[in-house]
C-alpha atoms as a PDB file:
ATOM      1  CA  MET A   1       4.978  11.268 -13.355  1.00  0.00           C
ATOM      2  CA  HIS A   2       5.003  11.904  -9.770  1.00  0.00           C
ATOM      3  CA  PHE A   3       2.492  10.411  -7.450  1.00  0.00           C
ATOM      4  CA  SER A   4       0.377  13.525  -6.755  1.00  0.00           C
ATOM      5  CA  GLN A   5       0.333  14.539 -10.733  1.00  0.00           C
ATOM      6  CA  VAL A   6      -1.245  10.860 -11.208  1.00  0.00           C
ATOM      7  CA  MET A   7      -3.796  11.478  -8.368  1.00  0.00           C
ATOM      8  CA  GLN A   8      -5.092  14.866 -10.086  1.00  0.00           C
ATOM      9  CA  GLN A   9      -7.333  12.531 -12.541  1.00  0.00           C
ATOM     10  CA  PHE A  10      -9.754  12.263  -9.965  1.00  0.00           C
ATOM     11  CA  GLY A  11     -12.389  14.356  -8.192  1.00  0.00           C
ATOM     12  CA  ALA A  12     -15.930  15.019  -6.936  1.00  0.00           C
ATOM     13  CA  ASP A  13     -17.321  15.783 -10.321  1.00  0.00           C
ATOM     14  CA  LYS A  14     -16.405  12.691 -12.130  1.00  0.00           C
ATOM     15  CA  PRO A  15     -19.122  10.375 -13.189  1.00  0.00           C
ATOM     16  CA  ASP A  16     -19.013   6.538 -11.330  1.00  0.00           C
ATOM     17  CA  SER A  17     -17.339   5.004 -14.299  1.00  0.00           C
ATOM     18  CA  VAL A  18     -14.166   6.913 -15.700  1.00  0.00           C
ATOM     19  CA  ILE A  19     -11.245   6.462 -17.980  1.00  0.00           C
ATOM     20  CA  ILE A  20      -8.040   7.024 -16.750  1.00  0.00           C
ATOM     21  CA  GLU A  21      -4.252   6.916 -17.474  1.00  0.00           C
ATOM     22  CA  ILE A  22      -2.428   4.254 -15.867  1.00  0.00           C
ATOM     23  CA  PRO A  23       1.087   5.723 -15.401  1.00  0.00           C
ATOM     24  CA  THR A  24       4.705   4.727 -16.631  1.00  0.00           C
ATOM     25  CA  GLN A  25       7.839   4.326 -14.616  1.00  0.00           C
ATOM     26  CA  TRP A  26       5.549   2.954 -11.554  1.00  0.00           C
ATOM     27  CA  GLY A  27       5.988  -0.926 -12.692  1.00  0.00           C
ATOM     28  CA  GLN A  28       6.997  -3.797 -10.871  1.00  0.00           C
ATOM     29  CA  GLY A  29       7.938  -6.560 -13.503  1.00  0.00           C
ATOM     30  CA  ARG A  30       4.978  -6.668 -16.062  1.00  0.00           C
ATOM     31  CA  ALA A  31       2.646  -4.535 -14.015  1.00  0.00           C
ATOM     32  CA  VAL A  32       2.002  -1.371 -12.149  1.00  0.00           C
ATOM     33  CA  PHE A  33       2.946  -1.884  -8.477  1.00  0.00           C
ATOM     34  CA  GLY A  34       0.098  -2.807  -6.345  1.00  0.00           C
ATOM     35  CA  GLY A  35       0.149   0.323  -3.964  1.00  0.00           C
ATOM     36  CA  MET A  36      -0.105   2.384  -6.951  1.00  0.00           C
ATOM     37  CA  ALA A  37      -3.298   0.209  -8.391  1.00  0.00           C
ATOM     38  CA  ALA A  38      -4.754   0.457  -4.989  1.00  0.00           C
ATOM     39  CA  ALA A  39      -4.389   4.220  -4.479  1.00  0.00           C
ATOM     40  CA  LEU A  40      -5.874   4.775  -7.990  1.00  0.00           C
ATOM     41  CA  ALA A  41      -8.886   2.896  -7.040  1.00  0.00           C
ATOM     42  CA  MET A  42      -9.400   4.380  -3.845  1.00  0.00           C
ATOM     43  CA  ALA A  43      -8.651   8.192  -5.437  1.00  0.00           C
ATOM     44  CA  HIS A  44     -11.992   7.512  -7.146  1.00  0.00           C
ATOM     45  CA  LEU A  45     -13.864   6.768  -4.122  1.00  0.00           C
ATOM     46  CA  LEU A  46     -12.735   9.259  -1.867  1.00  0.00           C
ATOM     47  CA  PRO A  47     -14.352  12.177  -3.373  1.00  0.00           C
ATOM     48  CA  VAL A  48     -17.821  10.787  -2.634  1.00  0.00           C
ATOM     49  CA  ILE A  49     -17.243   9.841   0.935  1.00  0.00           C
ATOM     50  CA  PRO A  50     -18.168  12.267   3.520  1.00  0.00           C
ATOM     51  CA  GLU A  51     -15.267  13.817   5.446  1.00  0.00           C
ATOM     52  CA  ALA A  52     -16.964  12.508   8.765  1.00  0.00           C
ATOM     53  CA  MET A  53     -16.616   8.872   7.604  1.00  0.00           C
ATOM     54  CA  PRO A  54     -12.577   7.877   7.909  1.00  0.00           C
ATOM     55  CA  LEU A  55     -11.369   5.089   6.125  1.00  0.00           C
ATOM     56  CA  ARG A  56     -11.438   1.910   8.764  1.00  0.00           C
ATOM     57  CA  SER A  57     -10.131  -0.960   6.273  1.00  0.00           C
ATOM     58  CA  VAL A  58      -9.547  -2.092   2.695  1.00  0.00           C
ATOM     59  CA  SER A  59      -9.572  -5.149   0.881  1.00  0.00           C
ATOM     60  CA  VAL A  60      -7.915  -5.718  -2.708  1.00  0.00           C
ATOM     61  CA  SER A  61      -7.958  -8.710  -5.097  1.00  0.00           C
ATOM     62  CA  PHE A  62      -5.062  -8.414  -7.668  1.00  0.00           C
ATOM     63  CA  VAL A  63      -7.097 -10.098 -10.174  1.00  0.00           C
ATOM     64  CA  ALA A  64      -4.748  -9.760 -13.257  1.00  0.00           C
ATOM     65  CA  PRO A  65      -1.747  -7.623 -14.154  1.00  0.00           C
ATOM     66  CA  LEU A  66      -2.616  -3.774 -14.574  1.00  0.00           C
ATOM     67  CA  ASP A  67      -0.273  -2.293 -17.299  1.00  0.00           C
ATOM     68  CA  ALA A  68       0.414   1.397 -18.202  1.00  0.00           C
ATOM     69  CA  GLY A  69      -2.117   2.656 -20.384  1.00  0.00           C
ATOM     70  CA  LYS A  70      -5.896   3.446 -20.468  1.00  0.00           C
ATOM     71  CA  ALA A  71      -8.235   1.779 -17.987  1.00  0.00           C
ATOM     72  CA  ARG A  72     -11.640   2.172 -16.772  1.00  0.00           C
ATOM     73  CA  VAL A  73     -12.430   2.761 -12.843  1.00  0.00           C
ATOM     74  CA  GLN A  74     -16.048   2.121 -11.550  1.00  0.00           C
ATOM     75  CA  ARG A  75     -17.001   2.932  -8.200  1.00  0.00           C
ATOM     76  CA  ARG A  76     -20.173   1.639  -6.437  1.00  0.00           C
ATOM     77  CA  ILE A  77     -21.712   2.681  -2.861  1.00  0.00           C
ATOM     78  CA  LEU A  78     -22.863  -0.918  -1.835  1.00  0.00           C
ATOM     79  CA  ARG A  79     -24.684   0.467   1.592  1.00  0.00           C
ATOM     80  CA  GLN A  80     -24.564   3.693   3.291  1.00  0.00           C
ATOM     81  CA  GLY A  81     -26.074   3.568   7.038  1.00  0.00           C
ATOM     82  CA  LYS A  82     -25.747   6.432   9.640  1.00  0.00           C
ATOM     83  CA  SER A  83     -22.205   5.513  10.525  1.00  0.00           C
ATOM     84  CA  VAL A  84     -20.804   3.069   8.284  1.00  0.00           C
ATOM     85  CA  ILE A  85     -20.295   3.046   4.333  1.00  0.00           C
ATOM     86  CA  GLN A  86     -19.470  -0.008   2.524  1.00  0.00           C
ATOM     87  CA  ALA A  87     -18.244   0.640  -1.080  1.00  0.00           C
ATOM     88  CA  GLN A  88     -16.657  -1.144  -4.221  1.00  0.00           C
ATOM     89  CA  VAL A  89     -14.336  -0.164  -6.808  1.00  0.00           C
ATOM     90  CA  GLU A  90     -13.514  -2.230  -9.839  1.00  0.00           C
ATOM     91  CA  ILE A  91     -10.534  -1.339 -12.527  1.00  0.00           C
ATOM     92  CA  GLU A  92     -10.970  -2.927 -15.708  1.00  0.00           C
ATOM     93  CA  GLN A  93      -8.470  -3.281 -18.769  1.00  0.00           C
ATOM     94  CA  ASP A  94      -8.688  -4.532 -22.153  1.00  0.00           C
ATOM     95  CA  GLY A  95     -12.076  -5.941 -21.090  1.00  0.00           C
ATOM     96  CA  GLN A  96     -10.724  -7.782 -18.115  1.00  0.00           C
ATOM     97  CA  VAL A  97     -11.088  -7.023 -14.210  1.00  0.00           C
ATOM     98  CA  ALA A  98      -7.674  -6.295 -13.124  1.00  0.00           C
ATOM     99  CA  LEU A  99      -8.419  -5.158  -9.586  1.00  0.00           C
ATOM    100  CA  MET A 100     -11.495  -5.166  -7.162  1.00  0.00           C
ATOM    101  CA  LEU A 101     -11.296  -3.292  -4.025  1.00  0.00           C
ATOM    102  CA  LEU A 102     -13.756  -3.172  -0.969  1.00  0.00           C
ATOM    103  CA  ALA A 103     -13.563  -0.310   1.709  1.00  0.00           C
ATOM    104  CA  SER A 104     -15.452   0.255   4.631  1.00  0.00           C
ATOM    105  CA  PHE A 105     -15.792   3.861   6.029  1.00  0.00           C
ATOM    106  CA  GLY A 106     -16.682   4.463   9.505  1.00  0.00           C
ATOM    107  CA  ALA A 107     -17.711   7.551  11.652  1.00  0.00           C
ATOM    108  CA  ALA A 108     -16.347   7.862  15.094  1.00  0.00           C
ATOM    109  CA  ARG A 109     -18.429   6.777  18.274  1.00  0.00           C
ATOM    110  CA  PRO A 110     -18.648   6.980  21.881  1.00  0.00           C
ATOM    111  CA  SER A 111     -16.784   3.906  23.682  1.00  0.00           C
ATOM    112  CA  ALA A 112     -15.913   2.944  27.130  1.00  0.00           C
ATOM    113  CA  HIS A 113     -13.147   1.009  25.651  1.00  0.00           C
ATOM    114  CA  GLN A 114      -9.743   2.627  24.501  1.00  0.00           C
ATOM    115  CA  LEU A 115      -7.177   0.288  23.848  1.00  0.00           C
ATOM    116  CA  ALA A 116      -3.838   1.897  22.864  1.00  0.00           C
ATOM    117  CA  ALA A 117      -1.612   0.388  20.248  1.00  0.00           C
ATOM    118  CA  ASP A 118       1.931  -0.385  20.624  1.00  0.00           C
ATOM    119  CA  THR A 119       4.354   2.573  19.381  1.00  0.00           C
ATOM    120  CA  ALA A 120       6.725   2.117  16.817  1.00  0.00           C
ATOM    121  CA  PRO A 121       9.600  -0.205  17.470  1.00  0.00           C
ATOM    122  CA  GLN A 122      13.176   1.351  18.003  1.00  0.00           C
ATOM    123  CA  TRP A 123      15.752   0.019  15.931  1.00  0.00           C
ATOM    124  CA  PRO A 124      19.466  -1.322  17.116  1.00  0.00           C
ATOM    125  CA  THR A 125      21.890   1.211  17.007  1.00  0.00           C
ATOM    126  CA  GLN A 126      23.752   0.170  13.772  1.00  0.00           C
ATOM    127  CA  PRO A 127      24.047   1.350  10.273  1.00  0.00           C
ATOM    128  CA  VAL A 128      20.993   0.808   8.333  1.00  0.00           C
ATOM    129  CA  GLN A 129      20.898  -0.513   4.564  1.00  0.00           C
ATOM    130  CA  VAL A 130      19.646   1.747   1.675  1.00  0.00           C
ATOM    131  CA  LEU A 131      17.720   0.147  -0.866  1.00  0.00           C
ATOM    132  CA  PRO A 132      19.534   1.113  -3.954  1.00  0.00           C
ATOM    133  CA  LYS A 133      18.033   3.457  -6.551  1.00  0.00           C
ATOM    134  CA  GLN A 134      19.944   1.587  -9.463  1.00  0.00           C
ATOM    135  CA  GLY A 135      20.246  -2.137 -10.010  1.00  0.00           C
ATOM    136  CA  PRO A 136      17.833  -4.833 -10.255  1.00  0.00           C
ATOM    137  CA  ALA A 137      15.100  -2.821  -7.992  1.00  0.00           C
ATOM    138  CA  PRO A 138      11.605  -2.631  -9.657  1.00  0.00           C
ATOM    139  CA  GLU A 139      11.179   0.797 -11.423  1.00  0.00           C
ATOM    140  CA  PHE A 140       8.665   2.123  -9.037  1.00  0.00           C
ATOM    141  CA  THR A 141      10.933   2.128  -5.931  1.00  0.00           C
ATOM    142  CA  LEU A 142      12.605   5.219  -7.744  1.00  0.00           C
ATOM    143  CA  HIS A 143       9.715   6.945  -5.993  1.00  0.00           C
ATOM    144  CA  PHE A 144      10.738   6.132  -2.528  1.00  0.00           C
ATOM    145  CA  ASP A 145      13.394   6.304   0.179  1.00  0.00           C
ATOM    146  CA  TYR A 146      13.872   2.965   1.846  1.00  0.00           C
ATOM    147  CA  HIS A 147      16.333   2.594   4.988  1.00  0.00           C
ATOM    148  CA  ILE A 148      16.511  -1.278   6.092  1.00  0.00           C
ATOM    149  CA  ALA A 149      16.914  -1.736   9.737  1.00  0.00           C
ATOM    150  CA  GLN A 150      15.669  -5.232  10.370  1.00  0.00           C
ATOM    151  CA  GLY A 151      16.196  -8.069   8.111  1.00  0.00           C
ATOM    152  CA  GLN A 152      18.131  -8.105   4.668  1.00  0.00           C
ATOM    153  CA  LEU A 153      17.922  -7.001   0.978  1.00  0.00           C
ATOM    154  CA  PRO A 154      15.979  -9.210  -1.627  1.00  0.00           C
ATOM    155  CA  PHE A 155      17.539 -12.082  -2.748  1.00  0.00           C
ATOM    156  CA  SER A 156      20.077 -12.314   0.026  1.00  0.00           C
ATOM    157  CA  ALA A 157      19.479 -15.661   1.298  1.00  0.00           C
ATOM    158  CA  SER A 158      18.403 -14.057   4.601  1.00  0.00           C
ATOM    159  CA  PRO A 159      17.625 -16.238   7.600  1.00  0.00           C
ATOM    160  CA  VAL A 160      15.271 -13.803   9.133  1.00  0.00           C
ATOM    161  CA  ARG A 161      11.498 -13.768   8.421  1.00  0.00           C
ATOM    162  CA  GLN A 162      11.139 -10.057   9.117  1.00  0.00           C
ATOM    163  CA  LEU A 163      11.803  -7.165   7.122  1.00  0.00           C
ATOM    164  CA  GLY A 164      11.489  -3.574   8.556  1.00  0.00           C
ATOM    165  CA  GLY A 165      13.063  -0.003   8.573  1.00  0.00           C
ATOM    166  CA  ASP A 166      11.749   3.521   7.621  1.00  0.00           C
ATOM    167  CA  ILE A 167      10.252   4.690   4.562  1.00  0.00           C
ATOM    168  CA  ARG A 168       9.085   7.993   2.885  1.00  0.00           C
ATOM    169  CA  MET A 169       8.183   9.170  -0.606  1.00  0.00           C
ATOM    170  CA  ALA A 170      11.441  10.407  -2.475  1.00  0.00           C
ATOM    171  CA  GLY A 171      11.846  14.107  -3.603  1.00  0.00           C
ATOM    172  CA  ASN A 172       8.553  16.041  -4.413  1.00  0.00           C
ATOM    173  CA  GLU A 173       6.398  12.859  -4.789  1.00  0.00           C
ATOM    174  CA  SER A 174       3.787  14.363  -2.655  1.00  0.00           C
ATOM    175  CA  LYS A 175       3.455  17.339  -0.424  1.00  0.00           C
ATOM    176  CA  GLN A 176       1.643  15.434   2.232  1.00  0.00           C
ATOM    177  CA  ALA A 177       1.191  11.591   3.394  1.00  0.00           C
ATOM    178  CA  GLY A 178      -2.927  11.122   3.370  1.00  0.00           C
ATOM    179  CA  VAL A 179      -4.575   7.677   2.642  1.00  0.00           C
ATOM    180  CA  LEU A 180      -3.489   7.366  -0.839  1.00  0.00           C
ATOM    181  CA  GLU A 181      -0.117   8.040   0.049  1.00  0.00           C
ATOM    182  CA  LEU A 182      -0.322   5.248   3.046  1.00  0.00           C
ATOM    183  CA  LEU A 183      -1.472   2.828   0.532  1.00  0.00           C
ATOM    184  CA  ALA A 184       1.412   3.533  -1.488  1.00  0.00           C
ATOM    185  CA  LEU A 185       3.886   3.376   1.606  1.00  0.00           C
ATOM    186  CA  VAL A 186       2.840   0.123   2.703  1.00  0.00           C
ATOM    187  CA  ASP A 187       3.208  -1.722  -0.184  1.00  0.00           C
ATOM    188  CA  ALA A 188       6.057  -0.348  -1.437  1.00  0.00           C
ATOM    189  CA  TRP A 189       8.127  -2.442   0.561  1.00  0.00           C
ATOM    190  CA  PRO A 190       9.412  -5.960  -1.162  1.00  0.00           C
ATOM    191  CA  PRO A 191       7.532  -8.917   0.294  1.00  0.00           C
ATOM    192  CA  VAL A 192       9.801 -10.513   2.858  1.00  0.00           C
ATOM    193  CA  SER A 193       9.622 -13.725   1.007  1.00  0.00           C
ATOM    194  CA  LEU A 194      12.104 -12.142  -1.529  1.00  0.00           C
ATOM    195  CA  THR A 195      14.851 -11.611   1.098  1.00  0.00           C
ATOM    196  CA  LEU A 196      14.961 -15.390   1.790  1.00  0.00           C
ATOM    197  CA  LEU A 197      15.862 -16.007  -1.869  1.00  0.00           C
ATOM    198  CA  ASN A 198      19.412 -16.570  -2.767  1.00  0.00           C
ATOM    199  CA  GLN A 199      18.603 -15.280  -6.411  1.00  0.00           C
ATOM    200  CA  PRO A 200      15.916 -13.257  -8.177  1.00  0.00           C
ATOM    201  CA  ALA A 201      12.770 -15.231  -8.529  1.00  0.00           C
ATOM    202  CA  PRO A 202       8.960 -13.600  -9.278  1.00  0.00           C
ATOM    203  CA  ALA A 203       6.521 -12.809  -6.534  1.00  0.00           C
ATOM    204  CA  SER A 204       3.309 -10.911  -6.700  1.00  0.00           C
ATOM    205  CA  SER A 205       0.449 -10.036  -4.087  1.00  0.00           C
ATOM    206  CA  LEU A 206      -2.564 -12.432  -4.793  1.00  0.00           C
ATOM    207  CA  THR A 207      -4.893 -10.410  -1.786  1.00  0.00           C
ATOM    208  CA  TRP A 208      -4.292  -7.316   0.798  1.00  0.00           C
ATOM    209  CA  THR A 209      -5.982  -6.379   3.397  1.00  0.00           C
ATOM    210  CA  ILE A 210      -5.141  -2.884   5.160  1.00  0.00           C
ATOM    211  CA  GLU A 211      -6.668  -1.473   8.286  1.00  0.00           C
ATOM    212  CA  PHE A 212      -6.418   2.111   9.133  1.00  0.00           C
ATOM    213  CA  ILE A 213      -5.896   2.842  12.722  1.00  0.00           C
ATOM    214  CA  ALA A 214      -4.859   6.475  13.261  1.00  0.00           C
ATOM    215  CA  HIS A 215      -6.673   9.573  11.770  1.00  0.00           C
ATOM    216  CA  ASP A 216      -4.618  12.683  12.474  1.00  0.00           C
ATOM    217  CA  LEU A 217      -3.289  12.999   9.135  1.00  0.00           C
ATOM    218  CA  PRO A 218      -1.631  14.307   6.974  1.00  0.00           C
ATOM    219  CA  PHE A 219       2.144  14.472   7.801  1.00  0.00           C
ATOM    220  CA  ASN A 220       4.866  16.042   5.373  1.00  0.00           C
ATOM    221  CA  ASN A 221       6.216  13.968   2.699  1.00  0.00           C
ATOM    222  CA  THR A 222       9.931  14.212   4.272  1.00  0.00           C
ATOM    223  CA  ASP A 223       8.804  12.360   7.518  1.00  0.00           C
ATOM    224  CA  TRP A 224      10.012   8.867   7.644  1.00  0.00           C
ATOM    225  CA  TRP A 225       7.263   6.222   8.385  1.00  0.00           C
ATOM    226  CA  ARG A 226       8.181   3.112  10.469  1.00  0.00           C
ATOM    227  CA  TYR A 227       7.455  -0.508   8.936  1.00  0.00           C
ATOM    228  CA  LEU A 228       7.907  -3.853   9.964  1.00  0.00           C
ATOM    229  CA  ALA A 229       6.577  -7.233   8.389  1.00  0.00           C
ATOM    230  CA  GLU A 230       7.054 -10.966   9.082  1.00  0.00           C
ATOM    231  CA  ILE A 231       6.058 -13.875   7.324  1.00  0.00           C
ATOM    232  CA  GLU A 232       3.671 -15.978   9.665  1.00  0.00           C
ATOM    233  CA  TYR A 233       3.395 -19.025   7.522  1.00  0.00           C
ATOM    234  CA  GLY A 234       4.808 -20.082   4.073  1.00  0.00           C
ATOM    235  CA  ALA A 235       4.199 -23.263   2.172  1.00  0.00           C
ATOM    236  CA  ASP A 236       3.305 -24.658  -1.539  1.00  0.00           C
ATOM    237  CA  GLY A 237       4.249 -21.362  -2.982  1.00  0.00           C
ATOM    238  CA  TYR A 238       2.249 -18.937  -0.835  1.00  0.00           C
ATOM    239  CA  HIS A 239       3.587 -16.999   2.029  1.00  0.00           C
ATOM    240  CA  HIS A 240       1.062 -15.257   4.395  1.00  0.00           C
ATOM    241  CA  ILE A 241       2.731 -11.619   5.760  1.00  0.00           C
ATOM    242  CA  ALA A 242       1.340  -9.377   8.415  1.00  0.00           C
ATOM    243  CA  ALA A 243       2.797  -6.108   8.785  1.00  0.00           C
ATOM    244  CA  LYS A 244       2.444  -2.673  10.518  1.00  0.00           C
ATOM    245  CA  LEU A 245       3.184   1.118   9.918  1.00  0.00           C
ATOM    246  CA  TRP A 246       3.712   3.558  12.278  1.00  0.00           C
ATOM    247  CA  GLN A 247       3.302   7.338  11.942  1.00  0.00           C
ATOM    248  CA  PRO A 248       6.348   9.600  12.007  1.00  0.00           C
ATOM    249  CA  ASP A 249       5.478  10.419  15.898  1.00  0.00           C
ATOM    250  CA  GLY A 250       5.354   6.590  16.683  1.00  0.00           C
ATOM    251  CA  LYS A 251       1.816   6.097  16.548  1.00  0.00           C
ATOM    252  CA  LEU A 252       0.148   3.012  14.847  1.00  0.00           C
ATOM    253  CA  ALA A 253      -1.287   3.963  11.647  1.00  0.00           C
ATOM    254  CA  ALA A 254      -2.063   0.777   9.665  1.00  0.00           C
ATOM    255  CA  ILE A 255      -1.860  -3.003  10.169  1.00  0.00           C
ATOM    256  CA  SER A 256      -1.540  -4.762   6.891  1.00  0.00           C
ATOM    257  CA  ARG A 257      -2.138  -8.506   5.803  1.00  0.00           C
ATOM    258  CA  GLN A 258      -0.915  -9.989   2.401  1.00  0.00           C
ATOM    259  CA  THR A 259      -1.171 -13.431   0.592  1.00  0.00           C
ATOM    260  CA  VAL A 260       1.959 -13.619  -1.769  1.00  0.00           C
ATOM    261  CA  THR A 261       2.670 -16.041  -4.413  1.00  0.00           C
ATOM    262  CA  VAL A 262       6.332 -16.959  -4.449  1.00  0.00           C
ATOM    263  CA  PHE A 263       7.658 -18.702  -7.940  1.00  0.00           C
ATOM    264  CA  ALA A 264      10.460 -20.277  -6.012  1.00  0.00           C
END
């Protein structure tokens, strides 16, 4: 099922608590990959948020694996002020909380301080690596096109703590790239941690925070988005990874931080 088709389960006419179908073919090991899980939660929340309140930040805790099948999604507005809305979404499956999402929305306000962000990096002029559509890659990666320009493929014993390149949704996954698609695009990249390993080993996101910068969306689904991540610290089976995503026009779109558990 295409990404856009999965998101058709949501709308402004839905109650705060709904039963949805978690799609197949979006798996990462034994669970649905984190970007899809977060997008499902956000898709239930966005219809009740005014358009004048752009999404500013999201914090996600992956409490338990979310499997394909039925699940309950519940949203709650924690506080709504004149310029900021704080909200919560919870996904439950089989009587257990699988995901908790906290989101902050904020209207633009006048400010004397406008600080520009760095534009997208320029990769060295060298052939890029393409993440293969077949082989040991998780099934959800079939829905994306990857060009790796910085770092190495997973399980290649790379000495580099960075991973980056260009990404887009494959085929007819979505006609545009809005907030929901960006959640998927950022998390679709494998953790940098896996590139350091010399053989397959499990890894999963424990927590994820993403801040949205630019709001001149959407772009076309054929456009390439630029991504770069770096492990800032790793020990005791946990890696702390910072990443950025740039729009096709080079503007910074999102800043991401993840705590990743690595079983190696």
